[in-house]
N, C-alpha and C. Protein backbone atom coordinates (compact mmCIF):
# COMPACT_ATOMS: atom_id res chain seq x y z
N UNK A 1 47.91 -50.71 -49.27
CA UNK A 1 48.52 -51.03 -50.53
C UNK A 1 48.81 -49.73 -51.28
N UNK A 2 50.03 -49.57 -51.66
CA UNK A 2 50.40 -48.41 -52.46
C UNK A 2 50.35 -48.77 -53.93
N UNK A 3 49.78 -47.90 -54.70
CA UNK A 3 49.66 -48.16 -56.14
C UNK A 3 50.80 -47.48 -56.88
N UNK A 4 51.99 -48.01 -56.71
CA UNK A 4 53.19 -47.44 -57.31
C UNK A 4 53.65 -48.34 -58.44
N UNK A 5 52.89 -48.34 -59.53
CA UNK A 5 53.21 -49.19 -60.67
C UNK A 5 54.34 -48.61 -61.53
N UNK A 6 54.76 -47.39 -61.25
CA UNK A 6 55.73 -46.72 -62.10
C UNK A 6 57.11 -46.60 -61.44
N UNK A 7 57.27 -47.13 -60.24
CA UNK A 7 58.57 -47.15 -59.59
C UNK A 7 58.99 -45.81 -59.00
N UNK A 8 58.03 -44.95 -58.67
CA UNK A 8 58.38 -43.67 -58.04
C UNK A 8 59.06 -43.93 -56.70
N UNK A 9 60.12 -43.18 -56.43
CA UNK A 9 60.85 -43.37 -55.18
C UNK A 9 61.33 -42.02 -54.67
N UNK A 10 61.01 -41.72 -53.43
CA UNK A 10 61.51 -40.54 -52.75
C UNK A 10 61.53 -40.87 -51.26
N UNK A 11 62.71 -40.91 -50.65
CA UNK A 11 62.81 -41.29 -49.24
C UNK A 11 61.97 -40.41 -48.31
N UNK A 12 61.82 -39.11 -48.63
CA UNK A 12 61.01 -38.23 -47.78
C UNK A 12 59.53 -38.62 -47.85
N UNK A 13 59.06 -38.92 -49.05
CA UNK A 13 57.67 -39.34 -49.22
C UNK A 13 57.44 -40.68 -48.50
N UNK A 14 58.36 -41.61 -48.69
CA UNK A 14 58.24 -42.92 -48.03
C UNK A 14 58.20 -42.78 -46.51
N UNK A 15 59.05 -41.92 -45.97
CA UNK A 15 59.09 -41.74 -44.51
C UNK A 15 57.78 -41.12 -44.00
N UNK A 16 57.26 -40.12 -44.72
CA UNK A 16 55.99 -39.51 -44.32
C UNK A 16 54.84 -40.52 -44.39
N UNK A 17 54.81 -41.31 -45.45
CA UNK A 17 53.76 -42.32 -45.59
C UNK A 17 53.88 -43.39 -44.51
N UNK A 18 55.09 -43.80 -44.18
CA UNK A 18 55.28 -44.78 -43.11
C UNK A 18 54.79 -44.23 -41.78
N UNK A 19 55.10 -42.96 -41.50
CA UNK A 19 54.61 -42.33 -40.26
C UNK A 19 53.09 -42.25 -40.26
N UNK A 20 52.52 -41.86 -41.39
CA UNK A 20 51.06 -41.75 -41.49
C UNK A 20 50.39 -43.12 -41.35
N UNK A 21 50.98 -44.14 -41.96
CA UNK A 21 50.42 -45.49 -41.87
C UNK A 21 50.36 -45.97 -40.41
N UNK A 22 51.32 -45.55 -39.61
CA UNK A 22 51.39 -45.99 -38.21
C UNK A 22 50.57 -45.12 -37.26
N UNK A 23 50.14 -43.95 -37.73
CA UNK A 23 49.40 -43.00 -36.88
C UNK A 23 47.93 -43.38 -36.80
N UNK A 24 47.41 -43.51 -35.59
CA UNK A 24 46.01 -43.86 -35.39
C UNK A 24 45.08 -42.65 -35.37
N UNK A 25 45.60 -41.50 -35.00
CA UNK A 25 44.81 -40.27 -34.91
C UNK A 25 44.70 -39.64 -36.31
N UNK A 26 43.49 -39.63 -36.87
CA UNK A 26 43.30 -39.11 -38.22
C UNK A 26 43.66 -37.63 -38.33
N UNK A 27 43.52 -36.87 -37.25
CA UNK A 27 43.90 -35.45 -37.26
C UNK A 27 45.39 -35.26 -37.41
N UNK A 28 46.17 -36.26 -37.01
CA UNK A 28 47.63 -36.21 -37.20
C UNK A 28 48.02 -36.94 -38.48
N UNK A 29 47.24 -37.94 -38.86
CA UNK A 29 47.56 -38.77 -40.01
C UNK A 29 47.38 -38.03 -41.34
N UNK A 30 46.25 -37.36 -41.50
CA UNK A 30 45.94 -36.70 -42.77
C UNK A 30 47.00 -35.67 -43.18
N UNK A 31 47.48 -34.82 -42.27
CA UNK A 31 48.51 -33.86 -42.70
C UNK A 31 49.80 -34.52 -43.18
N UNK A 32 50.13 -35.68 -42.62
CA UNK A 32 51.33 -36.39 -43.08
C UNK A 32 51.16 -36.86 -44.52
N UNK A 33 49.99 -37.40 -44.84
CA UNK A 33 49.72 -37.80 -46.22
C UNK A 33 49.69 -36.58 -47.14
N UNK A 34 49.15 -35.47 -46.65
CA UNK A 34 49.10 -34.25 -47.47
C UNK A 34 50.51 -33.75 -47.78
N UNK A 35 51.39 -33.80 -46.79
CA UNK A 35 52.79 -33.39 -47.02
C UNK A 35 53.45 -34.30 -48.06
N UNK A 36 53.23 -35.60 -47.90
CA UNK A 36 53.81 -36.56 -48.86
C UNK A 36 53.26 -36.31 -50.25
N UNK A 37 51.97 -36.03 -50.34
CA UNK A 37 51.35 -35.77 -51.63
C UNK A 37 51.93 -34.53 -52.30
N UNK A 38 52.15 -33.47 -51.53
CA UNK A 38 52.74 -32.25 -52.10
C UNK A 38 54.14 -32.49 -52.64
N UNK A 39 54.93 -33.26 -51.91
CA UNK A 39 56.29 -33.57 -52.37
C UNK A 39 56.22 -34.39 -53.65
N UNK A 40 55.36 -35.41 -53.65
CA UNK A 40 55.24 -36.28 -54.83
C UNK A 40 54.76 -35.48 -56.05
N UNK A 41 53.82 -34.57 -55.84
CA UNK A 41 53.33 -33.78 -56.96
C UNK A 41 54.39 -32.83 -57.51
N UNK A 42 55.28 -32.35 -56.64
CA UNK A 42 56.40 -31.52 -57.12
C UNK A 42 57.38 -32.34 -57.94
N UNK A 43 57.51 -33.63 -57.61
CA UNK A 43 58.44 -34.51 -58.31
C UNK A 43 57.88 -35.05 -59.63
N UNK A 44 56.59 -35.02 -59.80
CA UNK A 44 55.94 -35.76 -60.88
C UNK A 44 56.41 -35.31 -62.26
N UNK A 45 56.73 -36.32 -63.08
CA UNK A 45 57.08 -36.05 -64.47
C UNK A 45 55.99 -36.60 -65.38
N UNK A 46 55.25 -37.59 -64.88
CA UNK A 46 54.17 -38.21 -65.62
C UNK A 46 52.99 -38.34 -64.69
N UNK A 47 51.83 -37.97 -65.16
CA UNK A 47 50.61 -38.11 -64.37
C UNK A 47 49.74 -39.17 -65.02
N UNK A 48 49.88 -40.42 -64.53
CA UNK A 48 49.08 -41.49 -65.14
C UNK A 48 47.62 -41.38 -64.73
N UNK A 49 46.75 -41.59 -65.68
CA UNK A 49 45.32 -41.61 -65.40
C UNK A 49 44.86 -43.03 -65.69
N UNK A 50 44.42 -43.70 -64.64
CA UNK A 50 44.00 -45.08 -64.80
C UNK A 50 42.57 -45.24 -64.31
N UNK A 51 41.90 -46.19 -64.85
CA UNK A 51 40.57 -46.53 -64.37
C UNK A 51 40.35 -48.01 -64.67
N UNK A 52 39.45 -48.58 -63.95
CA UNK A 52 39.13 -49.98 -64.14
C UNK A 52 37.67 -50.09 -64.56
N UNK A 53 37.41 -51.02 -65.42
CA UNK A 53 36.05 -51.25 -65.87
C UNK A 53 35.63 -52.65 -65.41
N UNK A 54 34.46 -52.74 -64.84
CA UNK A 54 33.94 -54.02 -64.40
C UNK A 54 32.62 -54.26 -65.13
N UNK A 55 32.65 -55.02 -66.22
CA UNK A 55 31.40 -55.29 -66.94
C UNK A 55 30.42 -56.04 -66.03
N UNK A 56 29.18 -55.62 -66.05
CA UNK A 56 28.16 -56.22 -65.20
C UNK A 56 26.89 -56.41 -66.00
N UNK A 57 26.33 -57.61 -65.91
CA UNK A 57 25.05 -57.89 -66.57
C UNK A 57 23.95 -57.75 -65.54
N UNK A 58 22.89 -57.02 -65.92
CA UNK A 58 21.77 -56.80 -65.00
C UNK A 58 20.48 -57.19 -65.71
N UNK A 59 19.70 -58.02 -65.07
CA UNK A 59 18.42 -58.42 -65.63
C UNK A 59 17.52 -57.20 -65.76
N UNK A 60 16.67 -57.14 -66.77
CA UNK A 60 15.81 -55.97 -67.00
C UNK A 60 14.87 -55.65 -65.83
N UNK A 61 14.53 -56.63 -65.02
CA UNK A 61 13.60 -56.40 -63.91
C UNK A 61 14.28 -55.93 -62.63
N UNK A 62 15.60 -55.83 -62.64
CA UNK A 62 16.33 -55.33 -61.47
C UNK A 62 16.39 -53.81 -61.53
N UNK A 63 16.02 -53.14 -60.43
CA UNK A 63 15.95 -51.68 -60.40
C UNK A 63 16.78 -51.12 -59.25
N UNK A 64 17.22 -49.87 -59.39
CA UNK A 64 17.91 -49.11 -58.33
C UNK A 64 19.11 -49.84 -57.76
N UNK A 65 19.98 -50.29 -58.62
CA UNK A 65 21.19 -51.00 -58.20
C UNK A 65 22.26 -49.96 -57.86
N UNK A 66 22.87 -50.07 -56.69
CA UNK A 66 23.95 -49.16 -56.30
C UNK A 66 25.28 -49.78 -56.71
N UNK A 67 26.04 -49.06 -57.52
CA UNK A 67 27.36 -49.52 -57.95
C UNK A 67 28.44 -48.64 -57.37
N UNK A 68 29.55 -49.23 -57.08
CA UNK A 68 30.74 -48.51 -56.68
C UNK A 68 31.73 -48.66 -57.82
N UNK A 69 31.89 -47.63 -58.62
CA UNK A 69 32.72 -47.72 -59.82
C UNK A 69 34.20 -47.50 -59.54
N UNK A 70 34.56 -47.12 -58.33
CA UNK A 70 35.96 -46.83 -57.99
C UNK A 70 36.57 -47.82 -57.02
N UNK A 71 35.98 -48.96 -56.84
CA UNK A 71 36.52 -49.93 -55.90
C UNK A 71 35.78 -49.85 -54.58
N UNK A 72 36.41 -50.29 -53.50
CA UNK A 72 35.71 -50.36 -52.20
C UNK A 72 35.59 -49.01 -51.51
N UNK A 73 34.86 -48.08 -52.12
CA UNK A 73 34.65 -46.76 -51.54
C UNK A 73 33.16 -46.48 -51.56
N UNK A 74 32.43 -46.86 -50.52
CA UNK A 74 30.96 -46.74 -50.57
C UNK A 74 30.44 -45.32 -50.70
N UNK A 75 31.26 -44.32 -50.44
CA UNK A 75 30.79 -42.95 -50.58
C UNK A 75 30.80 -42.48 -52.04
N UNK A 76 31.33 -43.30 -52.96
CA UNK A 76 31.24 -43.03 -54.39
C UNK A 76 30.37 -44.10 -55.02
N UNK A 77 29.10 -43.83 -55.16
CA UNK A 77 28.22 -44.81 -55.78
C UNK A 77 27.44 -44.18 -56.91
N UNK A 78 26.99 -45.01 -57.80
CA UNK A 78 26.16 -44.58 -58.92
C UNK A 78 24.88 -45.38 -58.89
N UNK A 79 23.77 -44.72 -59.03
CA UNK A 79 22.48 -45.40 -59.10
C UNK A 79 22.08 -45.56 -60.56
N UNK A 80 21.74 -46.76 -60.94
CA UNK A 80 21.30 -47.02 -62.30
C UNK A 80 19.80 -47.22 -62.29
N UNK A 81 19.11 -46.44 -63.08
CA UNK A 81 17.66 -46.53 -63.21
C UNK A 81 17.33 -47.19 -64.53
N UNK A 82 16.67 -48.32 -64.49
CA UNK A 82 16.20 -48.98 -65.73
C UNK A 82 14.88 -48.34 -66.15
N UNK A 83 14.65 -48.26 -67.43
CA UNK A 83 13.41 -47.66 -67.94
C UNK A 83 12.40 -48.72 -68.29
């Protein structure tokens, strides 16, 4: 899923992303995304900063809850310690 809420369009970026999406070898895939990213960053006129908030209620007796504040990315977690 591409998060293109602003209607950015560049045929070179689209072609690189399409190639990267189809590439199974991560050693070949990552450089394609990096190339697309460099082109997109050169084109950028607006740099949107977005974040999502997910309100969560936690009972006082629950401890050491692991949260993922950025969506489904388990390598970004926050540990909450109740006092």
